Amino acid sequence: GVFLVADGEERKQARFTPVTVGVRDEGWVEIREPDL
C-alpha cells in the first residue's frame, strides 16, 4: 500500500491505504485500485 496525507482533527496524519498495482515504468507505478 501507500501512505496518504490526510487531514486530522488538529493536524495532518498518515493514512495507510492498501492498493493494487499495475504497470511499472521508469520510477512510476500504476494504481489500479482503489481510486485514490
All heavy atoms as atom14 arrays in JSON, in Angstrom:
{
  "sequence": "GVFLVADGEERKQARFTPVTVGVRDEGWVEIREPDL",
  "atom14_mask": [
    [1, 1, 1, 1, 0, 0, 0, 0, 0, 0, 0, 0, 0, 0],
    [1, 1, 1, 1, 1, 1, 1, 0, 0, 0, 0, 0, 0, 0],
    [1, 1, 1, 1, 1, 1, 1, 1, 1, 1, 1, 0, 0, 0],
    [1, 1, 1, 1, 1, 1, 1, 1, 0, 0, 0, 0, 0, 0],
    [1, 1, 1, 1, 1, 1, 1, 0, 0, 0, 0, 0, 0, 0],
    [1, 1, 1, 1, 1, 0, 0, 0, 0, 0, 0, 0, 0, 0],
    [1, 1, 1, 1, 1, 1, 1, 1, 0, 0, 0, 0, 0, 0],
    [1, 1, 1, 1, 0, 0, 0, 0, 0, 0, 0, 0, 0, 0],
    [1, 1, 1, 1, 1, 1, 1, 1, 1, 0, 0, 0, 0, 0],
    [1, 1, 1, 1, 1, 1, 1, 1, 1, 0, 0, 0, 0, 0],
    [1, 1, 1, 1, 1, 1, 1, 1, 1, 1, 1, 0, 0, 0],
    [1, 1, 1, 1, 1, 1, 1, 1, 1, 0, 0, 0, 0, 0],
    [1, 1, 1, 1, 1, 1, 1, 1, 1, 0, 0, 0, 0, 0],
    [1, 1, 1, 1, 1, 0, 0, 0, 0, 0, 0, 0, 0, 0],
    [1, 1, 1, 1, 1, 1, 1, 1, 1, 1, 1, 0, 0, 0],
    [1, 1, 1, 1, 1, 1, 1, 1, 1, 1, 1, 0, 0, 0],
    [1, 1, 1, 1, 1, 1, 1, 0, 0, 0, 0, 0, 0, 0],
    [1, 1, 1, 1, 1, 1, 1, 0, 0, 0, 0, 0, 0, 0],
    [1, 1, 1, 1, 1, 1, 1, 0, 0, 0, 0, 0, 0, 0],
    [1, 1, 1, 1, 1, 1, 1, 0, 0, 0, 0, 0, 0, 0],
    [1, 1, 1, 1, 1, 1, 1, 0, 0, 0, 0, 0, 0, 0],
    [1, 1, 1, 1, 0, 0, 0, 0, 0, 0, 0, 0, 0, 0],
    [1, 1, 1, 1, 1, 1, 1, 0, 0, 0, 0, 0, 0, 0],
    [1, 1, 1, 1, 1, 1, 1, 1, 1, 1, 1, 0, 0, 0],
    [1, 1, 1, 1, 1, 1, 1, 1, 0, 0, 0, 0, 0, 0],
    [1, 1, 1, 1, 1, 1, 1, 1, 1, 0, 0, 0, 0, 0],
    [1, 1, 1, 1, 0, 0, 0, 0, 0, 0, 0, 0, 0, 0],
    [1, 1, 1, 1, 1, 1, 1, 1, 1, 1, 1, 1, 1, 1],
    [1, 1, 1, 1, 1, 1, 1, 0, 0, 0, 0, 0, 0, 0],
    [1, 1, 1, 1, 1, 1, 1, 1, 1, 0, 0, 0, 0, 0],
    [1, 1, 1, 1, 1, 1, 1, 1, 0, 0, 0, 0, 0, 0],
    [1, 1, 1, 1, 1, 1, 1, 1, 1, 1, 1, 0, 0, 0],
    [1, 1, 1, 1, 1, 1, 1, 1, 1, 0, 0, 0, 0, 0],
    [1, 1, 1, 1, 1, 1, 1, 0, 0, 0, 0, 0, 0, 0],
    [1, 1, 1, 1, 1, 1, 1, 1, 0, 0, 0, 0, 0, 0],
    [1, 1, 1, 1, 1, 1, 1, 1, 0, 0, 0, 0, 0, 0]
  ],
  "atom14_positions": [
    [[0.8, -1.2, 0.0], [0.0, 0.0, 0.0], [0.84, 1.26, 0.0], [2.06, 1.22, -0.18], [0.0, 0.0, 0.0], [0.0, 0.0, 0.0], [0.0, 0.0, 0.0], [0.0, 0.0, 0.0], [0.0, 0.0, 0.0], [0.0, 0.0, 0.0], [0.0, 0.0, 0.0], [0.0, 0.0, 0.0], [0.0, 0.0, 0.0], [0.0, 0.0, 0.0]],
    [[0.16, 2.39, 0.24], [0.81, 3.7, 0.3], [0.25, 4.46, 1.49], [-0.84, 4.15, 1.99], [0.58, 4.5, -1.0], [1.2, 3.81, -2.19], [-0.91, 4.75, -1.24], [0.0, 0.0, 0.0], [0.0, 0.0, 0.0], [0.0, 0.0, 0.0], [0.0, 0.0, 0.0], [0.0, 0.0, 0.0], [0.0, 0.0, 0.0], [0.0, 0.0, 0.0]],
    [[1.01, 5.44, 1.96], [0.54, 6.35, 2.98], [0.04, 7.61, 2.3], [0.78, 8.28, 1.57], [1.64, 6.68, 3.98], [1.8, 5.66, 5.06], [2.91, 4.83, 5.1], [0.84, 5.54, 6.06], [3.06, 3.9, 6.1], [0.98, 4.61, 7.07], [2.09, 3.78, 7.09], [0.0, 0.0, 0.0], [0.0, 0.0, 0.0], [0.0, 0.0, 0.0]],
    [[-1.24, 7.94, 2.55], [-1.82, 9.18, 2.03], [-1.74, 10.27, 3.1], [-1.75, 9.99, 4.3], [-3.28, 8.96, 1.64], [-3.55, 8.03, 0.46], [-5.05, 7.82, 0.32], [-2.98, 8.61, -0.82], [0.0, 0.0, 0.0], [0.0, 0.0, 0.0], [0.0, 0.0, 0.0], [0.0, 0.0, 0.0], [0.0, 0.0, 0.0], [0.0, 0.0, 0.0]],
    [[-1.65, 11.49, 2.64], [-1.69, 12.64, 3.55], [-3.16, 12.96, 3.81], [-3.91, 13.32, 2.88], [-0.96, 13.85, 2.94], [-1.09, 15.06, 3.86], [0.5, 13.52, 2.69], [0.0, 0.0, 0.0], [0.0, 0.0, 0.0], [0.0, 0.0, 0.0], [0.0, 0.0, 0.0], [0.0, 0.0, 0.0], [0.0, 0.0, 0.0], [0.0, 0.0, 0.0]],
    [[-3.59, 12.79, 5.09], [-5.0, 13.02, 5.46], [-5.08, 14.13, 6.5], [-4.13, 14.36, 7.27], [-5.61, 11.73, 6.0], [0.0, 0.0, 0.0], [0.0, 0.0, 0.0], [0.0, 0.0, 0.0], [0.0, 0.0, 0.0], [0.0, 0.0, 0.0], [0.0, 0.0, 0.0], [0.0, 0.0, 0.0], [0.0, 0.0, 0.0], [0.0, 0.0, 0.0]],
    [[-6.2, 14.81, 6.51], [-6.43, 15.88, 7.49], [-6.98, 15.28, 8.78], [-8.01, 14.57, 8.77], [-7.41, 16.91, 6.94], [-6.82, 17.7, 5.79], [-5.59, 17.93, 5.82], [-7.57, 18.07, 4.86], [0.0, 0.0, 0.0], [0.0, 0.0, 0.0], [0.0, 0.0, 0.0], [0.0, 0.0, 0.0], [0.0, 0.0, 0.0], [0.0, 0.0, 0.0]],
    [[-6.3, 15.52, 9.92], [-6.77, 15.08, 11.23], [-7.51, 16.19, 11.94], [-7.76, 17.26, 11.38], [0.0, 0.0, 0.0], [0.0, 0.0, 0.0], [0.0, 0.0, 0.0], [0.0, 0.0, 0.0], [0.0, 0.0, 0.0], [0.0, 0.0, 0.0], [0.0, 0.0, 0.0], [0.0, 0.0, 0.0], [0.0, 0.0, 0.0], [0.0, 0.0, 0.0]],
    [[-7.88, 15.94, 13.22], [-8.6, 16.94, 14.0], [-7.74, 18.17, 14.25], [-8.24, 19.3, 14.21], [-9.05, 16.32, 15.33], [-10.07, 15.2, 15.16], [-10.5, 14.63, 16.5], [-9.97, 15.12, 17.52], [-11.35, 13.73, 16.52], [0.0, 0.0, 0.0], [0.0, 0.0, 0.0], [0.0, 0.0, 0.0], [0.0, 0.0, 0.0], [0.0, 0.0, 0.0]],
    [[-6.47, 17.93, 14.59], [-5.59, 19.05, 14.9], [-4.56, 19.32, 13.81], [-4.2, 20.47, 13.57], [-4.87, 18.8, 16.23], [-5.82, 18.68, 17.41], [-5.07, 18.48, 18.7], [-3.82, 18.43, 18.65], [-5.71, 18.38, 19.77], [0.0, 0.0, 0.0], [0.0, 0.0, 0.0], [0.0, 0.0, 0.0], [0.0, 0.0, 0.0], [0.0, 0.0, 0.0]],
    [[-4.08, 18.25, 13.15], [-3.04, 18.43, 12.13], [-3.11, 17.26, 11.17], [-3.92, 16.34, 11.33], [-1.66, 18.53, 12.76], [-1.23, 17.31, 13.55], [0.17, 17.51, 14.13], [1.14, 17.83, 13.11], [1.64, 19.05, 12.91], [1.24, 20.06, 13.68], [2.52, 19.28, 11.95], [0.0, 0.0, 0.0], [0.0, 0.0, 0.0], [0.0, 0.0, 0.0]],
    [[-2.25, 17.24, 10.17], [-2.28, 16.2, 9.14], [-1.78, 14.88, 9.71], [-0.91, 14.86, 10.59], [-1.44, 16.62, 7.94], [-1.99, 17.85, 7.23], [-1.21, 18.15, 5.96], [-1.76, 19.42, 5.31], [-3.19, 19.29, 4.96], [0.0, 0.0, 0.0], [0.0, 0.0, 0.0], [0.0, 0.0, 0.0], [0.0, 0.0, 0.0], [0.0, 0.0, 0.0]],
    [[-2.31, 13.79, 9.16], [-1.96, 12.45, 9.59], [-1.65, 11.58, 8.37], [-2.04, 11.89, 7.25], [-3.11, 11.81, 10.39], [-3.45, 12.54, 11.68], [-4.63, 11.88, 12.37], [-5.36, 11.1, 11.78], [-4.82, 12.21, 13.65], [0.0, 0.0, 0.0], [0.0, 0.0, 0.0], [0.0, 0.0, 0.0], [0.0, 0.0, 0.0], [0.0, 0.0, 0.0]],
    [[-0.93, 10.48, 8.63], [-0.64, 9.5, 7.59], [-1.67, 8.39, 7.65], [-1.91, 7.82, 8.71], [0.75, 8.92, 7.78], [0.0, 0.0, 0.0], [0.0, 0.0, 0.0], [0.0, 0.0, 0.0], [0.0, 0.0, 0.0], [0.0, 0.0, 0.0], [0.0, 0.0, 0.0], [0.0, 0.0, 0.0], [0.0, 0.0, 0.0], [0.0, 0.0, 0.0]],
    [[-2.32, 8.11, 6.51], [-3.31, 7.05, 6.45], [-2.83, 5.97, 5.48], [-2.62, 6.23, 4.31], [-4.65, 7.61, 5.95], [-5.33, 8.53, 6.94], [-5.68, 7.81, 8.22], [-6.35, 8.69, 9.2], [-6.58, 8.35, 10.44], [-6.18, 7.16, 10.88], [-7.2, 9.18, 11.26], [0.0, 0.0, 0.0], [0.0, 0.0, 0.0], [0.0, 0.0, 0.0]],
    [[-2.65, 4.75, 6.02], [-2.2, 3.65, 5.18], [-3.37, 3.11, 4.36], [-4.45, 2.82, 4.92], [-1.61, 2.52, 6.02], [-1.12, 1.36, 5.21], [0.08, 1.44, 4.51], [-1.86, 0.19, 5.12], [0.54, 0.38, 3.76], [-1.41, -0.87, 4.37], [-0.21, -0.79, 3.68], [0.0, 0.0, 0.0], [0.0, 0.0, 0.0], [0.0, 0.0, 0.0]],
    [[-3.17, 2.99, 3.04], [-4.22, 2.51, 2.14], [-3.69, 1.37, 1.29], [-2.75, 1.57, 0.51], [-4.7, 3.65, 1.21], [-5.12, 4.76, 2.01], [-5.83, 3.18, 0.31], [0.0, 0.0, 0.0], [0.0, 0.0, 0.0], [0.0, 0.0, 0.0], [0.0, 0.0, 0.0], [0.0, 0.0, 0.0], [0.0, 0.0, 0.0], [0.0, 0.0, 0.0]],
    [[-4.24, 0.16, 1.41], [-3.82, -0.95, 0.54], [-4.18, -0.64, -0.91], [-5.22, -0.05, -1.2], [-4.63, -2.15, 1.06], [-5.02, -1.76, 2.46], [-5.2, -0.28, 2.44], [0.0, 0.0, 0.0], [0.0, 0.0, 0.0], [0.0, 0.0, 0.0], [0.0, 0.0, 0.0], [0.0, 0.0, 0.0], [0.0, 0.0, 0.0], [0.0, 0.0, 0.0]],
    [[-3.3, -1.05, -1.84], [-3.51, -0.76, -3.25], [-3.21, -2.0, -4.08], [-2.49, -2.91, -3.66], [-2.63, 0.41, -3.73], [-2.99, 1.7, -3.0], [-1.15, 0.08, -3.55], [0.0, 0.0, 0.0], [0.0, 0.0, 0.0], [0.0, 0.0, 0.0], [0.0, 0.0, 0.0], [0.0, 0.0, 0.0], [0.0, 0.0, 0.0], [0.0, 0.0, 0.0]],
    [[-3.78, -2.0, -5.28], [-3.45, -2.99, -6.3], [-2.7, -2.27, -7.41], [-3.2, -1.28, -7.97], [-4.72, -3.65, -6.88], [-5.44, -4.29, -5.83], [-4.35, -4.68, -7.94], [0.0, 0.0, 0.0], [0.0, 0.0, 0.0], [0.0, 0.0, 0.0], [0.0, 0.0, 0.0], [0.0, 0.0, 0.0], [0.0, 0.0, 0.0], [0.0, 0.0, 0.0]],
    [[-1.47, -2.73, -7.69], [-0.63, -2.03, -8.65], [-0.69, -2.71, -10.01], [-1.08, -3.88, -10.14], [0.83, -1.97, -8.15], [0.91, -1.23, -6.84], [1.43, -3.35, -8.05], [0.0, 0.0, 0.0], [0.0, 0.0, 0.0], [0.0, 0.0, 0.0], [0.0, 0.0, 0.0], [0.0, 0.0, 0.0], [0.0, 0.0, 0.0], [0.0, 0.0, 0.0]],
    [[-0.29, -1.97, -11.04], [-0.26, -2.49, -12.41], [1.08, -2.29, -13.05], [2.11, -2.76, -12.57], [0.0, 0.0, 0.0], [0.0, 0.0, 0.0], [0.0, 0.0, 0.0], [0.0, 0.0, 0.0], [0.0, 0.0, 0.0], [0.0, 0.0, 0.0], [0.0, 0.0, 0.0], [0.0, 0.0, 0.0], [0.0, 0.0, 0.0], [0.0, 0.0, 0.0]],
    [[1.11, -1.5, -14.11], [2.31, -1.31, -14.91], [3.33, -0.46, -14.15], [2.98, 0.53, -13.5], [1.95, -0.62, -16.25], [3.2, -0.31, -17.05], [1.01, -1.52, -17.04], [0.0, 0.0, 0.0], [0.0, 0.0, 0.0], [0.0, 0.0, 0.0], [0.0, 0.0, 0.0], [0.0, 0.0, 0.0], [0.0, 0.0, 0.0], [0.0, 0.0, 0.0]],
    [[4.6, -0.88, -14.22], [5.71, -0.1, -13.68], [6.52, 0.47, -14.84], [6.83, -0.25, -15.78], [6.61, -0.96, -12.79], [5.93, -1.48, -11.53], [6.84, -2.41, -10.78], [6.22, -2.95, -9.58], [6.41, -2.48, -8.36], [7.24, -1.47, -8.17], [5.81, -3.02, -7.33], [0.0, 0.0, 0.0], [0.0, 0.0, 0.0], [0.0, 0.0, 0.0]],
    [[6.87, 1.74, -14.74], [7.59, 2.38, -15.84], [8.5, 3.48, -15.32], [8.02, 4.53, -14.89], [6.59, 2.95, -16.85], [7.27, 3.59, -18.05], [8.47, 3.35, -18.24], [6.61, 4.32, -18.8], [0.0, 0.0, 0.0], [0.0, 0.0, 0.0], [0.0, 0.0, 0.0], [0.0, 0.0, 0.0], [0.0, 0.0, 0.0], [0.0, 0.0, 0.0]],
    [[9.81, 3.19, -15.34], [10.83, 4.21, -15.06], [10.53, 5.0, -13.79], [10.46, 6.24, -13.8], [10.98, 5.16, -16.25], [11.37, 4.49, -17.55], [12.77, 3.91, -17.48], [13.57, 4.42, -16.67], [13.07, 2.97, -18.24], [0.0, 0.0, 0.0], [0.0, 0.0, 0.0], [0.0, 0.0, 0.0], [0.0, 0.0, 0.0], [0.0, 0.0, 0.0]],
    [[10.37, 4.33, -12.66], [10.19, 5.01, -11.38], [8.76, 5.33, -11.03], [8.51, 5.93, -9.97], [0.0, 0.0, 0.0], [0.0, 0.0, 0.0], [0.0, 0.0, 0.0], [0.0, 0.0, 0.0], [0.0, 0.0, 0.0], [0.0, 0.0, 0.0], [0.0, 0.0, 0.0], [0.0, 0.0, 0.0], [0.0, 0.0, 0.0], [0.0, 0.0, 0.0]],
    [[7.81, 4.95, -11.89], [6.39, 5.19, -11.61], [5.64, 3.86, -11.66], [6.02, 2.94, -12.38], [5.78, 6.18, -12.61], [6.31, 7.57, -12.44], [7.46, 8.07, -12.94], [5.69, 8.6, -11.69], [7.62, 9.37, -12.55], [6.55, 9.73, -11.78], [4.52, 8.71, -10.95], [6.25, 10.94, -11.16], [4.22, 9.93, -10.34], [5.08, 11.02, -10.44]],
    [[4.55, 3.78, -10.91], [3.76, 2.55, -10.88], [2.28, 2.92, -10.95], [1.84, 3.91, -10.36], [4.07, 1.72, -9.61], [3.76, 2.51, -8.36], [3.3, 0.41, -9.62], [0.0, 0.0, 0.0], [0.0, 0.0, 0.0], [0.0, 0.0, 0.0], [0.0, 0.0, 0.0], [0.0, 0.0, 0.0], [0.0, 0.0, 0.0], [0.0, 0.0, 0.0]],
    [[1.54, 2.13, -11.7], [0.11, 2.36, -11.86], [-0.65, 1.86, -10.62], [-0.38, 0.77, -10.12], [-0.4, 1.62, -13.1], [-1.9, 1.69, -13.28], [-2.41, 0.71, -14.32], [-1.61, -0.15, -14.76], [-3.6, 0.79, -14.66], [0.0, 0.0, 0.0], [0.0, 0.0, 0.0], [0.0, 0.0, 0.0], [0.0, 0.0, 0.0], [0.0, 0.0, 0.0]],
    [[-1.6, 2.64, -10.15], [-2.51, 2.24, -9.07], [-3.85, 1.9, -9.71], [-4.59, 2.78, -10.17], [-2.69, 3.37, -8.03], [-1.33, 3.77, -7.44], [-3.63, 2.92, -6.93], [-0.62, 2.65, -6.71], [0.0, 0.0, 0.0], [0.0, 0.0, 0.0], [0.0, 0.0, 0.0], [0.0, 0.0, 0.0], [0.0, 0.0, 0.0], [0.0, 0.0, 0.0]],
    [[-4.16, 0.6, -9.75], [-5.42, 0.18, -10.37], [-6.59, 0.29, -9.41], [-7.69, 0.7, -9.8], [-5.28, -1.26, -10.87], [-4.3, -1.39, -12.04], [-4.3, -2.8, -12.6], [-3.44, -2.87, -13.78], [-3.2, -3.99, -14.46], [-3.76, -5.14, -14.06], [-2.41, -3.98, -15.51], [0.0, 0.0, 0.0], [0.0, 0.0, 0.0], [0.0, 0.0, 0.0]],
    [[-6.38, -0.07, -8.18], [-7.43, 0.01, -7.16], [-6.78, 0.4, -5.83], [-5.66, -0.01, -5.55], [-8.16, -1.33, -7.0], [-8.97, -1.75, -8.21], [-9.66, -3.08, -8.0], [-9.42, -3.71, -6.92], [-10.4, -3.52, -8.88], [0.0, 0.0, 0.0], [0.0, 0.0, 0.0], [0.0, 0.0, 0.0], [0.0, 0.0, 0.0], [0.0, 0.0, 0.0]],
    [[-7.49, 1.2, -5.01], [-8.75, 1.92, -5.25], [-8.51, 3.19, -6.04], [-7.39, 3.48, -6.45], [-9.23, 2.21, -3.83], [-7.95, 2.4, -3.06], [-6.97, 1.42, -3.65], [0.0, 0.0, 0.0], [0.0, 0.0, 0.0], [0.0, 0.0, 0.0], [0.0, 0.0, 0.0], [0.0, 0.0, 0.0], [0.0, 0.0, 0.0], [0.0, 0.0, 0.0]],
    [[-9.57, 3.98, -6.21], [-9.48, 5.24, -6.95], [-8.97, 6.32, -5.99], [-9.74, 6.99, -5.31], [-10.86, 5.6, -7.51], [-10.79, 6.8, -8.43], [-9.66, 7.28, -8.68], [-11.83, 7.27, -8.9], [0.0, 0.0, 0.0], [0.0, 0.0, 0.0], [0.0, 0.0, 0.0], [0.0, 0.0, 0.0], [0.0, 0.0, 0.0], [0.0, 0.0, 0.0]],
    [[-7.65, 6.46, -5.93], [-7.03, 7.38, -4.97], [-7.02, 8.81, -5.51], [-7.1, 9.06, -6.71], [-5.59, 6.94, -4.68], [-5.41, 5.55, -4.06], [-3.94, 5.29, -3.8], [-6.21, 5.43, -2.77], [0.0, 0.0, 0.0], [0.0, 0.0, 0.0], [0.0, 0.0, 0.0], [0.0, 0.0, 0.0], [0.0, 0.0, 0.0], [0.0, 0.0, 0.0]]
  ]
}
